[in-house]
PDB file of N, CA and C in Angstrom:
ATOM      1  N   UNK A   1      72.242 100.439 104.498  1.00  0.00           N
ATOM      2  CA  UNK A   1      71.023 100.245 103.733  1.00  0.00           C
ATOM      3  C   UNK A   1      71.266 100.636 102.271  1.00  0.00           C
ATOM      4  N   UNK A   2      71.981 101.708 102.049  1.00  0.00           N
ATOM      5  CA  UNK A   2      72.253 102.157 100.681  1.00  0.00           C
ATOM      6  C   UNK A   2      73.035 101.098  99.908  1.00  0.00           C
ATOM      7  N   UNK A   3      74.018 100.488 100.551  1.00  0.00           N
ATOM      8  CA  UNK A   3      74.806  99.455  99.886  1.00  0.00           C
ATOM      9  C   UNK A   3      73.936  98.255  99.523  1.00  0.00           C
ATOM     10  N   UNK A   4      73.012  97.883 100.386  1.00  0.00           N
ATOM     11  CA  UNK A   4      72.086  96.784 100.090  1.00  0.00           C
ATOM     12  C   UNK A   4      71.184  97.150  98.917  1.00  0.00           C
ATOM     13  N   UNK A   5      70.782  98.410  98.829  1.00  0.00           N
ATOM     14  CA  UNK A   5      69.958  98.851  97.700  1.00  0.00           C
ATOM     15  C   UNK A   5      70.744  98.739  96.393  1.00  0.00           C
ATOM     16  N   UNK A   6      72.012  99.143  96.412  1.00  0.00           N
ATOM     17  CA  UNK A   6      72.860  98.989  95.225  1.00  0.00           C
ATOM     18  C   UNK A   6      73.029  97.514  94.875  1.00  0.00           C
ATOM     19  N   UNK A   7      73.253  96.693  95.893  1.00  0.00           N
ATOM     20  CA  UNK A   7      73.411  95.256  95.698  1.00  0.00           C
ATOM     21  C   UNK A   7      72.165  94.680  95.020  1.00  0.00           C
ATOM     22  N   UNK A   8      71.001  95.050  95.529  1.00  0.00           N
ATOM     23  CA  UNK A   8      69.753  94.579  94.935  1.00  0.00           C
ATOM     24  C   UNK A   8      69.599  95.047  93.497  1.00  0.00           C
ATOM     25  N   UNK A   9      70.009  96.274  93.225  1.00  0.00           N
ATOM     26  CA  UNK A   9      69.920  96.804  91.863  1.00  0.00           C
ATOM     27  C   UNK A   9      70.812  96.014  90.912  1.00  0.00           C
ATOM     28  N   UNK A  10      72.032  95.719  91.336  1.00  0.00           N
ATOM     29  CA  UNK A  10      72.947  94.939  90.502  1.00  0.00           C
ATOM     30  C   UNK A  10      72.403  93.531  90.284  1.00  0.00           C
ATOM     31  N   UNK A  11      71.891  92.916  91.345  1.00  0.00           N
ATOM     32  CA  UNK A  11      71.359  91.555  91.239  1.00  0.00           C
ATOM     33  C   UNK A  11      70.165  91.485  90.293  1.00  0.00           C
ATOM     34  N   UNK A  12      69.436  92.571  90.155  1.00  0.00           N
ATOM     35  CA  UNK A  12      68.231  92.569  89.334  1.00  0.00           C
ATOM     36  C   UNK A  12      68.422  93.200  87.961  1.00  0.00           C
ATOM     37  N   UNK A  13      69.641  93.623  87.651  1.00  0.00           N
ATOM     38  CA  UNK A  13      69.922  94.224  86.350  1.00  0.00           C
ATOM     39  C   UNK A  13      70.432  93.141  85.406  1.00  0.00           C
ATOM     40  N   UNK A  14      69.732  92.916  84.312  1.00  0.00           N
ATOM     41  CA  UNK A  14      70.115  91.865  83.368  1.00  0.00           C
ATOM     42  C   UNK A  14      71.497  92.091  82.765  1.00  0.00           C
ATOM     43  N   UNK A  15      71.979  93.326  82.769  1.00  0.00           N
ATOM     44  CA  UNK A  15      73.325  93.602  82.263  1.00  0.00           C
ATOM     45  C   UNK A  15      74.406  92.967  83.133  1.00  0.00           C
ATOM     46  N   UNK A  16      74.052  92.629  84.378  1.00  0.00           N
ATOM     47  CA  UNK A  16      75.026  92.061  85.310  1.00  0.00           C
ATOM     48  C   UNK A  16      74.664  90.641  85.723  1.00  0.00           C
ATOM     49  N   UNK A  17      73.822  89.971  84.950  1.00  0.00           N
ATOM     50  CA  UNK A  17      73.355  88.639  85.338  1.00  0.00           C
ATOM     51  C   UNK A  17      74.485  87.615  85.400  1.00  0.00           C
ATOM     52  N   UNK A  18      75.592  87.874  84.738  1.00  0.00           N
ATOM     53  CA  UNK A  18      76.732  86.959  84.760  1.00  0.00           C
ATOM     54  C   UNK A  18      77.537  87.059  86.064  1.00  0.00           C
ATOM     55  N   UNK A  19      77.310  88.096  86.850  1.00  0.00           N
ATOM     56  CA  UNK A  19      78.037  88.258  88.111  1.00  0.00           C
ATOM     57  C   UNK A  19      77.416  87.393  89.204  1.00  0.00           C
ATOM     58  N   UNK A  20      78.245  86.845  90.046  1.00  0.00           N
ATOM     59  CA  UNK A  20      77.780  86.063  91.188  1.00  0.00           C
ATOM     60  C   UNK A  20      78.218  86.795  92.454  1.00  0.00           C
ATOM     61  N   UNK A  21      77.506  87.858  92.788  1.00  0.00           N
ATOM     62  CA  UNK A  21      77.858  88.703  93.923  1.00  0.00           C
ATOM     63  C   UNK A  21      77.230  88.129  95.186  1.00  0.00           C
ATOM     64  N   UNK A  22      78.050  87.922  96.211  1.00  0.00           N
ATOM     65  CA  UNK A  22      77.558  87.353  97.466  1.00  0.00           C
ATOM     66  C   UNK A  22      77.687  88.315  98.640  1.00  0.00           C
ATOM     67  N   UNK A  23      78.724  89.098  98.635  1.00  0.00           N
ATOM     68  CA  UNK A  23      79.005  90.027  99.718  1.00  0.00           C
ATOM     69  C   UNK A  23      79.192  91.417  99.127  1.00  0.00           C
ATOM     70  N   UNK A  24      79.305  92.388 100.019  1.00  0.00           N
ATOM     71  CA  UNK A  24      79.567  93.754  99.578  1.00  0.00           C
ATOM     72  C   UNK A  24      80.644  94.357 100.474  1.00  0.00           C
ATOM     73  N   UNK A  25      81.406  95.244  99.903  1.00  0.00           N
ATOM     74  CA  UNK A  25      82.476  95.904 100.632  1.00  0.00           C
ATOM     75  C   UNK A  25      82.372  97.400 100.369  1.00  0.00           C
ATOM     76  N   UNK A  26      82.372  98.167 101.440  1.00  0.00           N
ATOM     77  CA  UNK A  26      82.344  99.620 101.345  1.00  0.00           C
ATOM     78  C   UNK A  26      83.653 100.137 101.922  1.00  0.00           C
ATOM     79  N   UNK A  27      84.363 100.920 101.130  1.00  0.00           N
ATOM     80  CA  UNK A  27      85.622 101.510 101.576  1.00  0.00           C
ATOM     81  C   UNK A  27      85.467 103.025 101.524  1.00  0.00           C
ATOM     82  N   UNK A  28      85.727 103.660 102.649  1.00  0.00           N
ATOM     83  CA  UNK A  28      85.668 105.117 102.724  1.00  0.00           C
ATOM     84  C   UNK A  28      87.100 105.627 102.836  1.00  0.00           C
ATOM     85  N   UNK A  29      87.541 106.318 101.791  1.00  0.00           N
ATOM     86  CA  UNK A  29      88.896 106.870 101.756  1.00  0.00           C
ATOM     87  C   UNK A  29      88.835 108.356 102.104  1.00  0.00           C
ATOM     88  N   UNK A  30      89.873 108.818 102.764  1.00  0.00           N
ATOM     89  CA  UNK A  30      89.913 110.208 103.215  1.00  0.00           C
ATOM     90  C   UNK A  30      91.020 110.972 102.494  1.00  0.00           C
ATOM     91  N   UNK A  31      90.732 112.199 102.128  1.00  0.00           N
ATOM     92  CA  UNK A  31      91.701 113.006 101.382  1.00  0.00           C
ATOM     93  C   UNK A  31      92.872 113.466 102.239  1.00  0.00           C
ATOM     94  N   UNK A  32      92.727 113.413 103.566  1.00  0.00           N
ATOM     95  CA  UNK A  32      93.813 113.868 104.438  1.00  0.00           C
ATOM     96  C   UNK A  32      94.853 112.784 104.695  1.00  0.00           C
ATOM     97  N   UNK A  33      94.702 111.634 104.042  1.00  0.00           N
ATOM     98  CA  UNK A  33      95.670 110.555 104.209  1.00  0.00           C
ATOM     99  C   UNK A  33      95.384 109.629 105.371  1.00  0.00           C
ATOM    100  N   UNK A  34      94.311 109.872 106.100  1.00  0.00           N
ATOM    101  CA  UNK A  34      93.937 108.984 107.202  1.00  0.00           C
ATOM    102  C   UNK A  34      93.645 107.592 106.667  1.00  0.00           C
ATOM    103  N   UNK A  35      93.797 106.623 107.554  1.00  0.00           N
ATOM    104  CA  UNK A  35      93.515 105.241 107.187  1.00  0.00           C
ATOM    105  C   UNK A  35      92.047 105.111 106.774  1.00  0.00           C
ATOM    106  N   UNK A  36      91.810 104.392 105.697  1.00  0.00           N
ATOM    107  CA  UNK A  36      90.445 104.202 105.194  1.00  0.00           C
ATOM    108  C   UNK A  36      89.636 103.335 106.152  1.00  0.00           C
ATOM    109  N   UNK A  37      88.346 103.574 106.175  1.00  0.00           N
ATOM    110  CA  UNK A  37      87.423 102.713 106.912  1.00  0.00           C
ATOM    111  C   UNK A  37      86.857 101.695 105.934  1.00  0.00           C
ATOM    112  N   UNK A  38      86.809 100.433 106.359  1.00  0.00           N
ATOM    113  CA  UNK A  38      86.341  99.348 105.502  1.00  0.00           C
ATOM    114  C   UNK A  38      85.202  98.626 106.210  1.00  0.00           C
ATOM    115  N   UNK A  39      84.109  98.429 105.487  1.00  0.00           N
ATOM    116  CA  UNK A  39      82.943  97.738 106.026  1.00  0.00           C
ATOM    117  C   UNK A  39      82.585  96.585 105.105  1.00  0.00           C
ATOM    118  N   UNK A  40      82.543  95.386 105.654  1.00  0.00           N
ATOM    119  CA  UNK A  40      82.178  94.187 104.896  1.00  0.00           C
ATOM    120  C   UNK A  40      80.764  93.782 105.277  1.00  0.00           C
ATOM    121  N   UNK A  41      79.922  93.557 104.289  1.00  0.00           N
ATOM    122  CA  UNK A  41      78.563  93.082 104.536  1.00  0.00           C
ATOM    123  C   UNK A  41      78.424  91.683 103.949  1.00  0.00           C
ATOM    124  N   UNK A  42      78.172  90.725 104.810  1.00  0.00           N
ATOM    125  CA  UNK A  42      77.943  89.346 104.383  1.00  0.00           C
ATOM    126  C   UNK A  42      76.561  89.240 103.748  1.00  0.00           C
ATOM    127  N   UNK A  43      76.268  88.089 103.180  1.00  0.00           N
ATOM    128  CA  UNK A  43      74.946  87.865 102.596  1.00  0.00           C
ATOM    129  C   UNK A  43      73.858  88.065 103.639  1.00  0.00           C
ATOM    130  N   UNK A  44      74.073  87.559 104.850  1.00  0.00           N
ATOM    131  CA  UNK A  44      73.073  87.718 105.915  1.00  0.00           C
ATOM    132  C   UNK A  44      72.847  89.186 106.256  1.00  0.00           C
ATOM    133  N   UNK A  45      73.926  89.952 106.343  1.00  0.00           N
ATOM    134  CA  UNK A  45      73.793  91.386 106.635  1.00  0.00           C
ATOM    135  C   UNK A  45      73.093  92.113 105.485  1.00  0.00           C
ATOM    136  N   UNK A  46      73.412  91.711 104.255  1.00  0.00           N
ATOM    137  CA  UNK A  46      72.743  92.327 103.114  1.00  0.00           C
ATOM    138  C   UNK A  46      71.245  92.044 103.146  1.00  0.00           C
ATOM    139  N   UNK A  47      70.867  90.836 103.519  1.00  0.00           N
ATOM    140  CA  UNK A  47      69.442  90.498 103.647  1.00  0.00           C
ATOM    141  C   UNK A  47      68.769  91.386 104.693  1.00  0.00           C
ATOM    142  N   UNK A  48      69.454  91.555 105.813  1.00  0.00           N
ATOM    143  CA  UNK A  48      68.921  92.390 106.899  1.00  0.00           C
ATOM    144  C   UNK A  48      68.714  93.831 106.424  1.00  0.00           C
ATOM    145  N   UNK A  49      69.725  94.369 105.759  1.00  0.00           N
ATOM    146  CA  UNK A  49      69.634  95.746 105.274  1.00  0.00           C
ATOM    147  C   UNK A  49      68.665  95.862 104.098  1.00  0.00           C
ATOM    148  N   UNK A  50      68.542  94.801 103.297  1.00  0.00           N
ATOM    149  CA  UNK A  50      67.574  94.804 102.204  1.00  0.00           C
ATOM    150  C   UNK A  50      66.161  94.922 102.766  1.00  0.00           C
ATOM    151  N   UNK A  51      65.887  94.222 103.855  1.00  0.00           N
ATOM    152  CA  UNK A  51      64.566  94.305 104.494  1.00  0.00           C
ATOM    153  C   UNK A  51      64.297  95.742 104.948  1.00  0.00           C
ATOM    154  N   UNK A  52      65.316  96.395 105.500  1.00  0.00           N
ATOM    155  CA  UNK A  52      65.166  97.798 105.906  1.00  0.00           C
ATOM    156  C   UNK A  52      64.905  98.689 104.692  1.00  0.00           C
ATOM    157  N   UNK A  53      65.598  98.411 103.593  1.00  0.00           N
ATOM    158  CA  UNK A  53      65.409  99.172 102.365  1.00  0.00           C
ATOM    159  C   UNK A  53      63.974  99.029 101.863  1.00  0.00           C
ATOM    160  N   UNK A  54      63.437  97.807 101.882  1.00  0.00           N
ATOM    161  CA  UNK A  54      62.068  97.592 101.418  1.00  0.00           C
ATOM    162  C   UNK A  54      61.057  98.351 102.273  1.00  0.00           C
ATOM    163  N   UNK A  55      61.312  98.418 103.571  1.00  0.00           N
ATOM    164  CA  UNK A  55      60.428  99.183 104.460  1.00  0.00           C
ATOM    165  C   UNK A  55      60.471 100.662 104.087  1.00  0.00           C
ATOM    166  N   UNK A  56      61.668 101.189 103.872  1.00  0.00           N
ATOM    167  CA  UNK A  56      61.796 102.604 103.492  1.00  0.00           C
ATOM    168  C   UNK A  56      61.157 102.873 102.128  1.00  0.00           C
ATOM    169  N   UNK A  57      61.350 101.941 101.205  1.00  0.00           N
ATOM    170  CA  UNK A  57      60.751 102.089  99.884  1.00  0.00           C
ATOM    171  C   UNK A  57      59.230 102.086  99.984  1.00  0.00           C
ATOM    172  N   UNK A  58      58.705 101.186 100.783  1.00  0.00           N
ATOM    173  CA  UNK A  58      57.256 101.122 100.973  1.00  0.00           C
ATOM    174  C   UNK A  58      56.723 102.441 101.544  1.00  0.00           C
ATOM    175  N   UNK A  59      57.415 102.964 102.538  1.00  0.00           N
ATOM    176  CA  UNK A  59      56.995 104.234 103.137  1.00  0.00           C
ATOM    177  C   UNK A  59      57.011 105.360 102.101  1.00  0.00           C
ATOM    178  N   UNK A  60      58.031 105.378 101.271  1.00  0.00           N
ATOM    179  CA  UNK A  60      58.134 106.402 100.232  1.00  0.00           C
ATOM    180  C   UNK A  60      57.000 106.274  99.223  1.00  0.00           C
ATOM    181  N   UNK A  61      56.768 105.043  98.757  1.00  0.00           N
ATOM    182  CA  UNK A  61      55.740 104.829  97.738  1.00  0.00           C
ATOM    183  C   UNK A  61      54.355 105.142  98.285  1.00  0.00           C
ATOM    184  N   UNK A  62      54.108 104.782  99.531  1.00  0.00           N
ATOM    185  CA  UNK A  62      52.818 105.103 100.145  1.00  0.00           C
ATOM    186  C   UNK A  62      52.631 106.619 100.213  1.00  0.00           C
ATOM    187  N   UNK A  63      53.700 107.316 100.534  1.00  0.00           N
ATOM    188  CA  UNK A  63      53.604 108.771 100.676  1.00  0.00           C
ATOM    189  C   UNK A  63      53.567 109.491  99.328  1.00  0.00           C
ATOM    190  N   UNK A  64      54.364 109.015  98.349  1.00  0.00           N
ATOM    191  CA  UNK A  64      54.538 109.776  97.112  1.00  0.00           C
ATOM    192  C   UNK A  64      54.075 109.079  95.834  1.00  0.00           C
ATOM    193  N   UNK A  65      53.802 107.785  95.885  1.00  0.00           N
ATOM    194  CA  UNK A  65      53.497 107.096  94.641  1.00  0.00           C
ATOM    195  C   UNK A  65      52.376 106.098  94.790  1.00  0.00           C
ATOM    196  N   UNK A  66      52.287 105.214  93.802  1.00  0.00           N
ATOM    197  CA  UNK A  66      51.283 104.163  93.842  1.00  0.00           C
ATOM    198  C   UNK A  66      51.899 102.844  93.392  1.00  0.00           C
ATOM    199  N   UNK A  67      51.092 101.808  93.318  1.00  0.00           N
ATOM    200  CA  UNK A  67      51.547 100.467  92.957  1.00  0.00           C
ATOM    201  C   UNK A  67      52.617  99.943  93.910  1.00  0.00           C
ATOM    202  N   UNK A  68      52.581 100.371  95.176  1.00  0.00           N
ATOM    203  CA  UNK A  68      53.619  99.959  96.124  1.00  0.00           C
ATOM    204  C   UNK A  68      53.637  98.452  96.322  1.00  0.00           C
ATOM    205  N   UNK A  69      52.479  97.812  96.362  1.00  0.00           N
ATOM    206  CA  UNK A  69      52.443  96.364  96.588  1.00  0.00           C
ATOM    207  C   UNK A  69      53.142  95.626  95.454  1.00  0.00           C
ATOM    208  N   UNK A  70      52.881  96.013  94.228  1.00  0.00           N
ATOM    209  CA  UNK A  70      53.500  95.374  93.068  1.00  0.00           C
ATOM    210  C   UNK A  70      55.017  95.573  93.087  1.00  0.00           C
ATOM    211  N   UNK A  71      55.452  96.784  93.357  1.00  0.00           N
ATOM    212  CA  UNK A  71      56.880  97.093  93.381  1.00  0.00           C
ATOM    213  C   UNK A  71      57.584  96.293  94.469  1.00  0.00           C
ATOM    214  N   UNK A  72      57.039  96.286  95.670  1.00  0.00           N
ATOM    215  CA  UNK A  72      57.700  95.633  96.792  1.00  0.00           C
ATOM    216  C   UNK A  72      57.718  94.126  96.634  1.00  0.00           C
ATOM    217  N   UNK A  73      56.635  93.535  96.192  1.00  0.00           N
ATOM    218  CA  UNK A  73      56.622  92.086  96.001  1.00  0.00           C
ATOM    219  C   UNK A  73      57.614  91.682  94.930  1.00  0.00           C
ATOM    220  N   UNK A  74      57.687  92.448  93.849  1.00  0.00           N
ATOM    221  CA  UNK A  74      58.636  92.144  92.784  1.00  0.00           C
ATOM    222  C   UNK A  74      60.066  92.253  93.259  1.00  0.00           C
ATOM    223  N   UNK A  75      60.383  93.309  93.998  1.00  0.00           N
ATOM    224  CA  UNK A  75      61.740  93.490  94.501  1.00  0.00           C
ATOM    225  C   UNK A  75      62.142  92.409  95.472  1.00  0.00           C
ATOM    226  N   UNK A  76      61.247  92.037  96.383  1.00  0.00           N
ATOM    227  CA  UNK A  76      61.551  90.995  97.355  1.00  0.00           C
ATOM    228  C   UNK A  76      61.743  89.659  96.652  1.00  0.00           C
ATOM    229  N   UNK A  77      60.866  89.344  95.703  1.00  0.00           N
ATOM    230  CA  UNK A  77      60.955  88.070  94.998  1.00  0.00           C
ATOM    231  C   UNK A  77      62.280  87.969  94.245  1.00  0.00           C
ATOM    232  N   UNK A  78      62.621  89.012  93.506  1.00  0.00           N
ATOM    233  CA  UNK A  78      63.838  88.962  92.701  1.00  0.00           C
ATOM    234  C   UNK A  78      65.072  88.875  93.583  1.00  0.00           C
ATOM    235  N   UNK A  79      65.101  89.609  94.687  1.00  0.00           N
ATOM    236  CA  UNK A  79      66.258  89.574  95.576  1.00  0.00           C
ATOM    237  C   UNK A  79      66.404  88.197  96.205  1.00  0.00           C
ATOM    238  N   UNK A  80      65.296  87.621  96.676  1.00  0.00           N
ATOM    239  CA  UNK A  80      65.346  86.303  97.307  1.00  0.00           C
ATOM    240  C   UNK A  80      65.748  85.230  96.305  1.00  0.00           C
ATOM    241  N   UNK A  81      65.302  85.355  95.053  1.00  0.00           N
ATOM    242  CA  UNK A  81      65.707  84.388  94.034  1.00  0.00           C
ATOM    243  C   UNK A  81      67.212  84.455  93.823  1.00  0.00           C
ATOM    244  N   UNK A  82      67.767  85.648  93.765  1.00  0.00           N
ATOM    245  CA  UNK A  82      69.203  85.789  93.571  1.00  0.00           C
ATOM    246  C   UNK A  82      69.977  85.242  94.762  1.00  0.00           C
ATOM    247  N   UNK A  83      69.505  85.485  95.973  1.00  0.00           N
ATOM    248  CA  UNK A  83      70.182  84.957  97.156  1.00  0.00           C
ATOM    249  C   UNK A  83      70.059  83.441  97.211  1.00  0.00           C
ATOM    250  N   UNK A  84      68.943  82.915  96.733  1.00  0.00           N
ATOM    251  CA  UNK A  84      68.755  81.469  96.727  1.00  0.00           C
ATOM    252  C   UNK A  84      69.719  80.757  95.809  1.00  0.00           C
ATOM    253  N   UNK A  85      70.266  81.467  94.841  1.00  0.00           N
ATOM    254  CA  UNK A  85      71.213  80.868  93.899  1.00  0.00           C
ATOM    255  C   UNK A  85      72.648  80.909  94.396  1.00  0.00           C
ATOM    256  N   UNK A  86      72.870  81.468  95.567  1.00  0.00           N
ATOM    257  CA  UNK A  86      74.244  81.569  96.086  1.00  0.00           C
ATOM    258  C   UNK A  86      74.722  80.235  96.600  1.00  0.00           C
TER     259      UNK A  86
END
């Protein structure tokens, strides 16, 4: 979910509008020399995790903030627009 949140942030940041990011890769390296763990998230998986992120964000905003409807609709719209351009 965290990686999808970062992905959404990059997709919605005008400083990175020139990037065409479709997938995400998370690599966990270990200081003891163990083999790294690698996780690939496809566009479909990112969409799935993005939906989970929006639910968590909504819960947070309901509990601690306001304007949750505006924030969530804007985030969903912008993310879907970026995915639609893939």
